[in-house]
Amino acid sequence: MATSKIAITIDQKLLHRLDSLVKSQRFTNRSRAIQEAVAEKLMRIERSRLALECAKLDPKFEQEMAEESFAAEMDEWPEY
């Protein structure tokens, strides 16, 4: 995976907490800790966005569409 260097500004108290995690070997270094934190946050944002989009769906309409598709496929299924 290609990586890029960036510079960030971080609150001193937060930095001390981050350093404590590195010191206790929870993370190998600051960069790794920050990478994992950013990746986790981005994943949460994507999941919440998906949940918001799913909430816009009409369950009755979706059920009707599924049943319509299923009924059309029934004719194509072999007899057992």
N, C-alpha and C. Protein backbone atom coordinates (compact mmCIF):
# COMPACT_ATOMS: atom_id res chain seq x y z
N MET A 1 0.84 -1.17 0.00
CA MET A 1 0.00 0.00 0.00
C MET A 1 0.89 1.24 0.00
N ALA A 2 0.65 2.13 -0.91
CA ALA A 2 1.40 3.37 -0.97
C ALA A 2 0.97 4.28 0.17
N THR A 3 1.92 4.99 0.73
CA THR A 3 1.60 5.91 1.82
C THR A 3 2.11 7.30 1.48
N SER A 4 1.54 8.28 2.15
CA SER A 4 1.95 9.68 1.97
C SER A 4 2.17 10.28 3.33
N LYS A 5 3.14 11.16 3.42
CA LYS A 5 3.38 11.88 4.66
C LYS A 5 2.48 13.11 4.71
N ILE A 6 1.95 13.36 5.89
CA ILE A 6 1.15 14.57 6.12
C ILE A 6 1.58 15.18 7.45
N ALA A 7 1.26 16.40 7.65
CA ALA A 7 1.50 17.07 8.93
C ALA A 7 0.14 17.37 9.55
N ILE A 8 0.01 17.12 10.83
CA ILE A 8 -1.25 17.43 11.52
C ILE A 8 -0.96 18.25 12.76
N THR A 9 -1.96 18.95 13.21
CA THR A 9 -1.91 19.66 14.47
C THR A 9 -2.85 18.92 15.41
N ILE A 10 -2.37 18.60 16.61
CA ILE A 10 -3.17 17.80 17.52
C ILE A 10 -3.09 18.39 18.93
N ASP A 11 -4.18 18.34 19.63
CA ASP A 11 -4.26 18.83 21.00
C ASP A 11 -3.25 18.08 21.87
N GLN A 12 -2.58 18.79 22.77
CA GLN A 12 -1.52 18.21 23.61
C GLN A 12 -2.04 17.04 24.45
N LYS A 13 -3.23 17.19 25.03
CA LYS A 13 -3.79 16.11 25.86
C LYS A 13 -4.06 14.86 25.01
N LEU A 14 -4.56 15.08 23.82
CA LEU A 14 -4.83 13.97 22.92
C LEU A 14 -3.52 13.28 22.52
N LEU A 15 -2.50 14.07 22.30
CA LEU A 15 -1.19 13.52 21.95
C LEU A 15 -0.63 12.66 23.09
N HIS A 16 -0.80 13.12 24.32
CA HIS A 16 -0.34 12.33 25.47
C HIS A 16 -1.08 10.99 25.54
N ARG A 17 -2.37 11.02 25.28
CA ARG A 17 -3.16 9.77 25.28
C ARG A 17 -2.68 8.84 24.16
N LEU A 18 -2.41 9.42 23.02
CA LEU A 18 -1.91 8.65 21.88
C LEU A 18 -0.56 8.03 22.22
N ASP A 19 0.32 8.82 22.81
CA ASP A 19 1.64 8.32 23.18
C ASP A 19 1.55 7.21 24.23
N SER A 20 0.57 7.30 25.11
CA SER A 20 0.38 6.24 26.11
C SER A 20 0.02 4.92 25.43
N LEU A 21 -0.81 5.00 24.40
CA LEU A 21 -1.16 3.78 23.66
C LEU A 21 0.04 3.19 22.94
N VAL A 22 0.87 4.05 22.40
CA VAL A 22 2.08 3.58 21.73
C VAL A 22 3.04 2.98 22.76
N LYS A 23 3.20 3.65 23.90
CA LYS A 23 4.10 3.17 24.94
C LYS A 23 3.65 1.81 25.47
N SER A 24 2.34 1.61 25.59
CA SER A 24 1.82 0.33 26.08
C SER A 24 1.77 -0.72 24.97
N GLN A 25 2.31 -0.38 23.82
CA GLN A 25 2.43 -1.26 22.65
C GLN A 25 1.08 -1.66 22.06
N ARG A 26 0.08 -0.82 22.28
CA ARG A 26 -1.22 -1.04 21.61
C ARG A 26 -1.06 -0.75 20.12
N PHE A 27 -0.20 0.22 19.80
CA PHE A 27 0.15 0.56 18.42
C PHE A 27 1.67 0.60 18.32
N THR A 28 2.17 0.31 17.14
CA THR A 28 3.63 0.31 16.95
C THR A 28 4.21 1.71 16.96
N ASN A 29 3.43 2.69 16.52
CA ASN A 29 3.91 4.08 16.50
C ASN A 29 2.71 5.02 16.33
N ARG A 30 2.97 6.30 16.42
CA ARG A 30 1.90 7.30 16.28
C ARG A 30 1.22 7.20 14.92
N SER A 31 2.02 7.06 13.89
CA SER A 31 1.45 7.02 12.53
C SER A 31 0.45 5.89 12.38
N ARG A 32 0.83 4.72 12.90
CA ARG A 32 -0.08 3.56 12.79
C ARG A 32 -1.37 3.81 13.57
N ALA A 33 -1.25 4.39 14.74
CA ALA A 33 -2.44 4.68 15.55
C ALA A 33 -3.37 5.65 14.82
N ILE A 34 -2.79 6.68 14.24
CA ILE A 34 -3.60 7.67 13.54
C ILE A 34 -4.21 7.07 12.28
N GLN A 35 -3.46 6.25 11.55
CA GLN A 35 -4.01 5.57 10.36
C GLN A 35 -5.22 4.74 10.72
N GLU A 36 -5.10 3.94 11.78
CA GLU A 36 -6.22 3.09 12.19
C GLU A 36 -7.42 3.91 12.64
N ALA A 37 -7.16 5.00 13.35
CA ALA A 37 -8.26 5.85 13.82
C ALA A 37 -9.00 6.49 12.65
N VAL A 38 -8.25 6.98 11.69
CA VAL A 38 -8.88 7.61 10.52
C VAL A 38 -9.65 6.57 9.71
N ALA A 39 -9.06 5.39 9.51
CA ALA A 39 -9.74 4.33 8.75
C ALA A 39 -11.04 3.93 9.43
N GLU A 40 -11.01 3.78 10.76
CA GLU A 40 -12.21 3.41 11.50
C GLU A 40 -13.28 4.49 11.39
N LYS A 41 -12.88 5.74 11.51
CA LYS A 41 -13.84 6.85 11.42
C LYS A 41 -14.48 6.90 10.04
N LEU A 42 -13.67 6.73 9.00
CA LEU A 42 -14.21 6.74 7.63
C LEU A 42 -15.19 5.58 7.42
N MET A 43 -14.89 4.42 7.99
CA MET A 43 -15.79 3.27 7.86
C MET A 43 -17.12 3.55 8.56
N ARG A 44 -17.04 4.17 9.73
CA ARG A 44 -18.27 4.51 10.45
C ARG A 44 -19.12 5.51 9.67
N ILE A 45 -18.46 6.49 9.06
CA ILE A 45 -19.19 7.47 8.26
C ILE A 45 -19.88 6.79 7.09
N GLU A 46 -19.18 5.89 6.42
CA GLU A 46 -19.77 5.17 5.28
C GLU A 46 -20.95 4.32 5.73
N ARG A 47 -20.83 3.63 6.87
CA ARG A 47 -21.93 2.80 7.36
C ARG A 47 -23.13 3.65 7.73
N SER A 48 -22.89 4.80 8.35
CA SER A 48 -24.02 5.64 8.73
C SER A 48 -24.68 6.23 7.49
N ARG A 49 -23.88 6.52 6.46
CA ARG A 49 -24.44 7.02 5.21
C ARG A 49 -25.31 5.95 4.55
N LEU A 50 -24.85 4.71 4.58
CA LEU A 50 -25.63 3.61 4.03
C LEU A 50 -26.93 3.45 4.80
N ALA A 51 -26.86 3.55 6.13
CA ALA A 51 -28.06 3.43 6.95
C ALA A 51 -29.05 4.55 6.63
N LEU A 52 -28.55 5.76 6.41
CA LEU A 52 -29.44 6.87 6.05
C LEU A 52 -30.12 6.62 4.71
N GLU A 53 -29.37 6.11 3.75
CA GLU A 53 -29.95 5.83 2.44
C GLU A 53 -30.97 4.69 2.54
N CYS A 54 -30.67 3.67 3.32
CA CYS A 54 -31.60 2.55 3.49
C CYS A 54 -32.89 3.00 4.17
N ALA A 55 -32.78 3.96 5.06
CA ALA A 55 -33.97 4.47 5.76
C ALA A 55 -34.92 5.17 4.80
N LYS A 56 -34.42 5.60 3.66
CA LYS A 56 -35.26 6.27 2.67
C LYS A 56 -36.11 5.29 1.87
N LEU A 57 -35.76 4.00 1.93
CA LEU A 57 -36.49 3.00 1.16
C LEU A 57 -37.87 2.75 1.75
N ASP A 58 -38.81 2.44 0.89
CA ASP A 58 -40.17 2.11 1.31
C ASP A 58 -40.25 0.59 1.42
N PRO A 59 -40.35 0.05 2.64
CA PRO A 59 -40.35 -1.40 2.81
C PRO A 59 -41.45 -2.12 2.03
N LYS A 60 -42.63 -1.53 1.95
CA LYS A 60 -43.74 -2.15 1.22
C LYS A 60 -43.41 -2.24 -0.27
N PHE A 61 -42.89 -1.15 -0.84
CA PHE A 61 -42.52 -1.13 -2.24
C PHE A 61 -41.41 -2.14 -2.52
N GLU A 62 -40.40 -2.19 -1.66
CA GLU A 62 -39.29 -3.13 -1.84
C GLU A 62 -39.78 -4.57 -1.77
N GLN A 63 -40.71 -4.86 -0.87
CA GLN A 63 -41.27 -6.20 -0.75
C GLN A 63 -42.04 -6.57 -2.01
N GLU A 64 -42.83 -5.64 -2.52
CA GLU A 64 -43.59 -5.89 -3.76
C GLU A 64 -42.65 -6.16 -4.93
N MET A 65 -41.57 -5.40 -5.02
CA MET A 65 -40.59 -5.60 -6.10
C MET A 65 -39.94 -6.98 -5.98
N ALA A 66 -39.61 -7.38 -4.78
CA ALA A 66 -38.98 -8.68 -4.56
C ALA A 66 -39.93 -9.80 -4.93
N GLU A 67 -41.19 -9.68 -4.52
CA GLU A 67 -42.17 -10.71 -4.82
C GLU A 67 -42.46 -10.78 -6.31
N GLU A 68 -42.50 -9.64 -6.97
CA GLU A 68 -42.73 -9.60 -8.41
C GLU A 68 -41.59 -10.31 -9.15
N SER A 69 -40.39 -10.03 -8.74
CA SER A 69 -39.23 -10.67 -9.36
C SER A 69 -39.23 -12.17 -9.09
N PHE A 70 -39.57 -12.55 -7.87
CA PHE A 70 -39.62 -13.95 -7.49
C PHE A 70 -40.68 -14.70 -8.29
N ALA A 71 -41.85 -14.08 -8.46
CA ALA A 71 -42.94 -14.72 -9.20
C ALA A 71 -42.55 -14.92 -10.67
N ALA A 72 -41.85 -13.96 -11.25
CA ALA A 72 -41.42 -14.09 -12.64
C ALA A 72 -40.42 -15.22 -12.79
N GLU A 73 -39.58 -15.42 -11.82
CA GLU A 73 -38.57 -16.48 -11.88
C GLU A 73 -39.17 -17.86 -11.65
N MET A 74 -40.30 -17.94 -10.97
CA MET A 74 -40.92 -19.23 -10.66
C MET A 74 -41.22 -20.02 -11.93
N ASP A 75 -41.60 -19.33 -13.00
CA ASP A 75 -41.90 -20.01 -14.26
C ASP A 75 -40.67 -20.66 -14.86
N GLU A 76 -39.52 -20.15 -14.55
CA GLU A 76 -38.27 -20.65 -15.12
C GLU A 76 -37.68 -21.81 -14.31
N TRP A 77 -38.18 -22.03 -13.13
CA TRP A 77 -37.61 -23.07 -12.28
C TRP A 77 -38.11 -24.45 -12.73
N PRO A 78 -37.25 -25.46 -12.74
CA PRO A 78 -37.68 -26.81 -13.13
C PRO A 78 -38.59 -27.44 -12.09
N GLU A 79 -39.44 -28.33 -12.52
CA GLU A 79 -40.30 -29.08 -11.58
C GLU A 79 -39.48 -30.15 -10.88
N TYR A 80 -39.75 -30.39 -9.63
CA TYR A 80 -39.05 -31.45 -8.88
C TYR A 80 -40.01 -32.52 -8.50
